[in-house]
Amino acid sequence: MNKNFMKQAQQMQAKLAQAQEELETMTVEASSGGGAVKCVATGKQTIESITIDPGAVDPEDVEILQDMVLAAVNEALAKSQEMVQEKIGAITGGMKLPGM
């Protein structure tokens, strides 16, 4: 194998490792119901927090609150995945890597 290619591969691997570390601390926020429900997700696609405005809690209509929570969580996860793709894509030049 070309020595230069191996060096480039090692540099890319180091940059990817650094990006993954950075993504662990990066977060995105999504909301639904006009901000009544807010969800924060990390770059590791985990939910860090969910905040519910007390005014959104209606004991007579729990289903709407459930729908708002679900919408906020799904949007936060989608934003988190987009953030990861942007960060990793900047390093790999859009190359698809296994496990990314």
Protein backbone atom coordinates (compact mmCIF):
# COMPACT_ATOMS: atom_id res chain seq x y z
CA MET A 1 0.00 0.00 0.00
CA ASN A 2 1.04 3.54 -0.65
CA LYS A 3 2.72 5.12 2.38
CA ASN A 4 0.94 8.42 1.75
CA PHE A 5 -2.45 6.66 1.65
CA MET A 6 -1.77 4.99 5.01
CA LYS A 7 -0.81 8.33 6.54
CA GLN A 8 -4.01 9.94 5.23
CA ALA A 9 -6.09 7.05 6.59
CA GLN A 10 -4.48 7.42 10.02
CA GLN A 11 -5.12 11.17 10.00
CA MET A 12 -8.77 10.60 9.06
CA GLN A 13 -9.13 8.03 11.83
CA ALA A 14 -7.71 10.51 14.38
CA LYS A 15 -10.05 13.25 13.17
CA LEU A 16 -13.02 10.88 13.36
CA ALA A 17 -12.13 9.90 16.93
CA GLN A 18 -11.89 13.57 17.88
CA ALA A 19 -15.23 14.33 16.19
CA GLN A 20 -16.90 11.48 18.06
CA GLU A 21 -15.59 12.86 21.36
CA GLU A 22 -16.90 16.31 20.47
CA LEU A 23 -20.29 14.90 19.47
CA GLU A 24 -20.68 13.37 22.93
CA THR A 25 -20.89 16.88 24.40
CA MET A 26 -22.80 18.57 21.57
CA THR A 27 -26.57 18.91 21.87
CA VAL A 28 -29.55 19.96 19.78
CA GLU A 29 -32.95 21.12 20.96
CA ALA A 30 -36.37 20.59 19.43
CA SER A 31 -39.80 21.66 20.57
CA SER A 32 -43.44 21.07 19.81
CA GLY A 33 -46.75 22.58 20.81
CA GLY A 34 -45.41 26.09 20.32
CA GLY A 35 -42.60 25.42 22.79
CA ALA A 36 -44.77 23.65 25.37
CA VAL A 37 -42.56 20.57 25.11
CA LYS A 38 -38.80 20.83 24.62
CA CYS A 39 -36.39 17.97 24.09
CA VAL A 40 -32.58 18.03 24.11
CA ALA A 41 -30.63 15.25 22.38
CA THR A 42 -26.90 14.61 22.30
CA GLY A 43 -24.65 13.80 19.37
CA LYS A 44 -24.79 10.19 20.54
CA GLN A 45 -28.53 10.15 19.77
CA THR A 46 -29.56 9.98 23.41
CA ILE A 47 -32.17 12.17 25.04
CA GLU A 48 -30.59 14.46 27.60
CA SER A 49 -33.71 16.21 28.85
CA ILE A 50 -37.40 16.78 28.27
CA THR A 51 -39.08 19.93 29.58
CA ILE A 52 -42.86 20.26 29.72
CA ASP A 53 -44.56 23.59 30.35
CA PRO A 54 -47.07 23.06 33.19
CA GLY A 55 -49.73 24.73 31.02
CA ALA A 56 -49.44 21.83 28.58
CA VAL A 57 -50.60 19.34 31.20
CA ASP A 58 -54.31 18.75 30.83
CA PRO A 59 -55.47 15.69 32.79
CA GLU A 60 -58.50 15.50 30.49
CA ASP A 61 -56.35 15.27 27.35
CA VAL A 62 -53.18 13.30 28.07
CA GLU A 63 -53.01 12.09 24.46
CA ILE A 64 -52.15 15.54 23.11
CA LEU A 65 -49.29 15.84 25.60
CA GLN A 66 -48.04 12.40 24.59
CA ASP A 67 -48.16 13.45 20.92
CA MET A 68 -46.23 16.65 21.67
CA VAL A 69 -43.55 14.72 23.59
CA LEU A 70 -43.25 12.18 20.79
CA ALA A 71 -42.96 14.92 18.16
CA ALA A 72 -40.29 16.81 20.13
CA VAL A 73 -38.26 13.64 20.77
CA ASN A 74 -38.39 12.53 17.14
CA GLU A 75 -37.39 15.99 15.92
CA ALA A 76 -34.51 16.17 18.42
CA LEU A 77 -33.21 12.77 17.31
CA ALA A 78 -33.47 13.77 13.64
CA LYS A 79 -31.55 16.99 14.36
CA SER A 80 -28.95 15.00 16.28
CA GLN A 81 -28.48 12.60 13.37
CA GLU A 82 -28.15 15.55 10.98
CA MET A 83 -25.53 17.13 13.27
CA VAL A 84 -23.55 13.87 13.31
CA GLN A 85 -23.71 13.55 9.52
CA GLU A 86 -22.49 17.13 9.06
CA LYS A 87 -19.62 16.68 11.51
CA ILE A 88 -18.51 13.30 10.17
CA GLY A 89 -19.19 14.26 6.53
CA ALA A 90 -16.85 17.23 6.86
CA ILE A 91 -14.07 14.79 7.71
CA THR A 92 -14.87 11.95 5.33
CA GLY A 93 -15.89 14.10 2.38
CA GLY A 94 -19.26 12.38 2.30
CA MET A 95 -17.83 8.85 2.22
CA LYS A 96 -20.11 6.41 4.02
CA LEU A 97 -18.22 4.61 6.76
CA PRO A 98 -19.52 1.55 8.60
CA GLY A 99 -21.06 2.42 11.96
CA MET A 100 -21.36 6.15 11.26
